[in-house]
């Protein structure tokens, strides 16, 4: 259950990075979360 949530969250983050490559703040926030 937790693994499924993490996988979904990571997938959403990846999509955000792919669709918004010019978002260094979002990328840094994602790195801090991991």
C-alpha atoms as a PDB file:
ATOM      1  CA  UNK A   1       0.000   0.000   0.000  1.00  0.00           C
ATOM      2  CA  UNK A   2       2.769   2.424   0.949  1.00  0.00           C
ATOM      3  CA  UNK A   3       4.845   1.294  -2.031  1.00  0.00           C
ATOM      4  CA  UNK A   4       1.887   1.997  -4.316  1.00  0.00           C
ATOM      5  CA  UNK A   5       1.567   5.514  -2.900  1.00  0.00           C
ATOM      6  CA  UNK A   6       5.284   6.212  -3.312  1.00  0.00           C
ATOM      7  CA  UNK A   7       5.235   4.895  -6.861  1.00  0.00           C
ATOM      8  CA  UNK A   8       2.231   7.084  -7.738  1.00  0.00           C
ATOM      9  CA  UNK A   9       3.866  10.134  -6.129  1.00  0.00           C
ATOM     10  CA  UNK A  10       7.138   9.537  -7.982  1.00  0.00           C
ATOM     11  CA  UNK A  11       5.230   9.088 -11.246  1.00  0.00           C
ATOM     12  CA  UNK A  12       3.440  12.415 -10.749  1.00  0.00           C
ATOM     13  CA  UNK A  13       6.725  14.143  -9.937  1.00  0.00           C
ATOM     14  CA  UNK A  14       8.341  12.665 -13.057  1.00  0.00           C
ATOM     15  CA  UNK A  15       5.473  13.926 -15.213  1.00  0.00           C
ATOM     16  CA  UNK A  16       5.810  17.389 -13.673  1.00  0.00           C
ATOM     17  CA  UNK A  17       9.549  17.393 -14.428  1.00  0.00           C
ATOM     18  CA  UNK A  18       8.988  16.180 -17.997  1.00  0.00           C
ATOM     19  CA  UNK A  19       6.272  18.726 -18.739  1.00  0.00           C
ATOM     20  CA  UNK A  20       8.053  21.532 -16.857  1.00  0.00           C
ATOM     21  CA  UNK A  21      11.816  21.172 -17.457  1.00  0.00           C
ATOM     22  CA  UNK A  22      12.241  24.828 -16.442  1.00  0.00           C
ATOM     23  CA  UNK A  23      11.257  24.284 -12.807  1.00  0.00           C
ATOM     24  CA  UNK A  24      14.458  24.112 -10.702  1.00  0.00           C
ATOM     25  CA  UNK A  25      12.554  24.958  -7.507  1.00  0.00           C
ATOM     26  CA  UNK A  26      10.200  22.024  -7.978  1.00  0.00           C
ATOM     27  CA  UNK A  27      13.137  19.736  -8.715  1.00  0.00           C
ATOM     28  CA  UNK A  28      14.973  20.841  -5.568  1.00  0.00           C
ATOM     29  CA  UNK A  29      11.824  20.324  -3.500  1.00  0.00           C
ATOM     30  CA  UNK A  30      11.463  16.807  -4.911  1.00  0.00           C
ATOM     31  CA  UNK A  31      15.106  15.996  -4.091  1.00  0.00           C
ATOM     32  CA  UNK A  32      14.633  17.201  -0.511  1.00  0.00           C
ATOM     33  CA  UNK A  33      11.529  15.039  -0.124  1.00  0.00           C
ATOM     34  CA  UNK A  34      13.496  11.930  -1.094  1.00  0.00           C
END
